[in-house]
Amino acid sequence: MTAAGIFFAAGLRSWPGRLAGLALILAPHLFGAPLPPVSAPAVPPDLAALYAARVLSVNLIGWLVLAIALLRLLPEAGAKADADGLTEPG
């Protein structure tokens, strides 16, 4: 609906067409999204918690791999941090 509204608003040269496009763009915001049926099954809380824990751990591993790769590829960045006193001598 939004794509059609953008097409009408930007693609048509007549004011009624542009106003129709604007109406199509605003319609979902004015009327809201449809509500799901009441009988929709919910995800069990233990499954949701397991998913969240796994997503966070995989993200942590990904960021650590990225940081290690950058420190190995750009050794001057680590040396500059040591020279600025940003890391503790060890």
C-alpha atoms as a PDB file:
ATOM      1  CA  MET A   1       0.000   0.000   0.000  1.00  0.00           C
ATOM      2  CA  THR A   2       2.821   2.368   0.843  1.00  0.00           C
ATOM      3  CA  ALA A   3       4.637   1.584  -2.394  1.00  0.00           C
ATOM      4  CA  ALA A   4       1.493   2.384  -4.384  1.00  0.00           C
ATOM      5  CA  GLY A   5       1.092   5.615  -2.426  1.00  0.00           C
ATOM      6  CA  ILE A   6       4.663   6.648  -3.164  1.00  0.00           C
ATOM      7  CA  PHE A   7       4.122   5.827  -6.836  1.00  0.00           C
ATOM      8  CA  PHE A   8       0.966   7.936  -6.976  1.00  0.00           C
ATOM      9  CA  ALA A   9       2.465  10.809  -4.979  1.00  0.00           C
ATOM     10  CA  ALA A  10       5.725  10.975  -6.907  1.00  0.00           C
ATOM     11  CA  GLY A  11       4.803   9.532 -10.298  1.00  0.00           C
ATOM     12  CA  LEU A  12       1.584  11.313 -11.121  1.00  0.00           C
ATOM     13  CA  ARG A  13       1.458  14.946 -12.102  1.00  0.00           C
ATOM     14  CA  SER A  14      -2.158  15.630 -11.194  1.00  0.00           C
ATOM     15  CA  TRP A  15      -3.083  16.906  -7.753  1.00  0.00           C
ATOM     16  CA  PRO A  16      -5.910  14.378  -7.242  1.00  0.00           C
ATOM     17  CA  GLY A  17      -3.440  11.567  -7.955  1.00  0.00           C
ATOM     18  CA  ARG A  18      -0.926  13.012  -5.523  1.00  0.00           C
ATOM     19  CA  LEU A  19      -3.604  13.384  -2.852  1.00  0.00           C
ATOM     20  CA  ALA A  20      -4.673   9.781  -3.434  1.00  0.00           C
ATOM     21  CA  GLY A  21      -1.047   8.733  -2.993  1.00  0.00           C
ATOM     22  CA  LEU A  22      -0.800  10.685   0.235  1.00  0.00           C
ATOM     23  CA  ALA A  23      -4.020   9.024   1.443  1.00  0.00           C
ATOM     24  CA  LEU A  24      -2.576   5.590   0.641  1.00  0.00           C
ATOM     25  CA  ILE A  25       0.607   6.409   2.549  1.00  0.00           C
ATOM     26  CA  LEU A  26      -1.283   7.680   5.603  1.00  0.00           C
ATOM     27  CA  ALA A  27      -3.986   4.966   5.671  1.00  0.00           C
ATOM     28  CA  PRO A  28      -2.003   2.352   7.671  1.00  0.00           C
ATOM     29  CA  HIS A  29      -1.056   4.980  10.240  1.00  0.00           C
ATOM     30  CA  LEU A  30      -4.605   6.215  10.661  1.00  0.00           C
ATOM     31  CA  PHE A  31      -6.354   2.857  10.877  1.00  0.00           C
ATOM     32  CA  GLY A  32      -3.590   0.807  12.489  1.00  0.00           C
ATOM     33  CA  ALA A  33      -2.458  -2.711  11.841  1.00  0.00           C
ATOM     34  CA  PRO A  34      -4.923  -5.572  12.138  1.00  0.00           C
ATOM     35  CA  LEU A  35      -4.888  -7.387  15.468  1.00  0.00           C
ATOM     36  CA  PRO A  36      -3.805 -11.032  15.498  1.00  0.00           C
ATOM     37  CA  PRO A  37      -6.417 -13.639  16.341  1.00  0.00           C
ATOM     38  CA  VAL A  38      -6.806 -14.343  20.036  1.00  0.00           C
ATOM     39  CA  SER A  39      -6.120 -18.037  19.507  1.00  0.00           C
ATOM     40  CA  ALA A  40      -2.665 -17.378  18.051  1.00  0.00           C
ATOM     41  CA  PRO A  41      -0.141 -19.625  19.829  1.00  0.00           C
ATOM     42  CA  ALA A  42       2.494 -17.813  21.852  1.00  0.00           C
ATOM     43  CA  VAL A  43       6.126 -18.842  21.939  1.00  0.00           C
ATOM     44  CA  PRO A  44       6.913 -20.652  25.193  1.00  0.00           C
ATOM     45  CA  PRO A  45       8.956 -18.434  27.538  1.00  0.00           C
ATOM     46  CA  ASP A  46      11.757 -20.981  27.950  1.00  0.00           C
ATOM     47  CA  LEU A  47      12.190 -21.208  24.174  1.00  0.00           C
ATOM     48  CA  ALA A  48      12.245 -17.410  23.879  1.00  0.00           C
ATOM     49  CA  ALA A  49      14.865 -17.171  26.643  1.00  0.00           C
ATOM     50  CA  LEU A  50      17.010 -19.853  24.998  1.00  0.00           C
ATOM     51  CA  TYR A  51      16.803 -18.033  21.669  1.00  0.00           C
ATOM     52  CA  ALA A  52      17.755 -14.692  23.251  1.00  0.00           C
ATOM     53  CA  ALA A  53      20.714 -16.243  25.079  1.00  0.00           C
ATOM     54  CA  ARG A  54      21.999 -17.898  21.924  1.00  0.00           C
ATOM     55  CA  VAL A  55      21.613 -14.747  19.856  1.00  0.00           C
ATOM     56  CA  LEU A  56      23.520 -12.695  22.429  1.00  0.00           C
ATOM     57  CA  SER A  57      26.314 -15.265  22.708  1.00  0.00           C
ATOM     58  CA  VAL A  58      26.717 -15.544  18.927  1.00  0.00           C
ATOM     59  CA  ASN A  59      26.812 -11.739  18.690  1.00  0.00           C
ATOM     60  CA  LEU A  60      29.469 -11.601  21.402  1.00  0.00           C
ATOM     61  CA  ILE A  61      31.586 -14.170  19.577  1.00  0.00           C
ATOM     62  CA  GLY A  62      31.165 -12.287  16.302  1.00  0.00           C
ATOM     63  CA  TRP A  63      32.265  -8.966  17.816  1.00  0.00           C
ATOM     64  CA  LEU A  64      35.249 -10.608  19.517  1.00  0.00           C
ATOM     65  CA  VAL A  65      36.339 -12.250  16.265  1.00  0.00           C
ATOM     66  CA  LEU A  66      36.011  -8.914  14.483  1.00  0.00           C
ATOM     67  CA  ALA A  67      38.038  -7.111  17.166  1.00  0.00           C
ATOM     68  CA  ILE A  68      40.798  -9.729  17.126  1.00  0.00           C
ATOM     69  CA  ALA A  69      40.939  -9.672  13.327  1.00  0.00           C
ATOM     70  CA  LEU A  70      41.203  -5.887  13.280  1.00  0.00           C
ATOM     71  CA  LEU A  71      43.935  -5.874  15.926  1.00  0.00           C
ATOM     72  CA  ARG A  72      45.901  -8.422  13.905  1.00  0.00           C
ATOM     73  CA  LEU A  73      45.378  -6.609  10.606  1.00  0.00           C
ATOM     74  CA  LEU A  74      45.991  -3.129  12.051  1.00  0.00           C
ATOM     75  CA  PRO A  75      48.749  -3.559  14.647  1.00  0.00           C
ATOM     76  CA  GLU A  76      49.460   0.182  14.690  1.00  0.00           C
ATOM     77  CA  ALA A  77      46.041   0.776  16.244  1.00  0.00           C
ATOM     78  CA  GLY A  78      46.990  -1.345  19.241  1.00  0.00           C
ATOM     79  CA  ALA A  79      50.409   0.304  19.487  1.00  0.00           C
ATOM     80  CA  LYS A  80      48.835   3.761  19.377  1.00  0.00           C
ATOM     81  CA  ALA A  81      46.474   2.825  22.204  1.00  0.00           C
ATOM     82  CA  ASP A  82      49.456   1.688  24.281  1.00  0.00           C
ATOM     83  CA  ALA A  83      51.334   4.917  23.543  1.00  0.00           C
ATOM     84  CA  ASP A  84      48.351   7.045  24.528  1.00  0.00           C
ATOM     85  CA  GLY A  85      48.085   5.258  27.837  1.00  0.00           C
ATOM     86  CA  LEU A  86      44.664   3.846  27.075  1.00  0.00           C
ATOM     87  CA  THR A  87      45.695   0.348  28.082  1.00  0.00           C
ATOM     88  CA  GLU A  88      47.328  -0.739  31.293  1.00  0.00           C
ATOM     89  CA  PRO A  89      50.873  -2.073  31.080  1.00  0.00           C
ATOM     90  CA  GLY A  90      50.889  -5.754  31.713  1.00  0.00           C
END
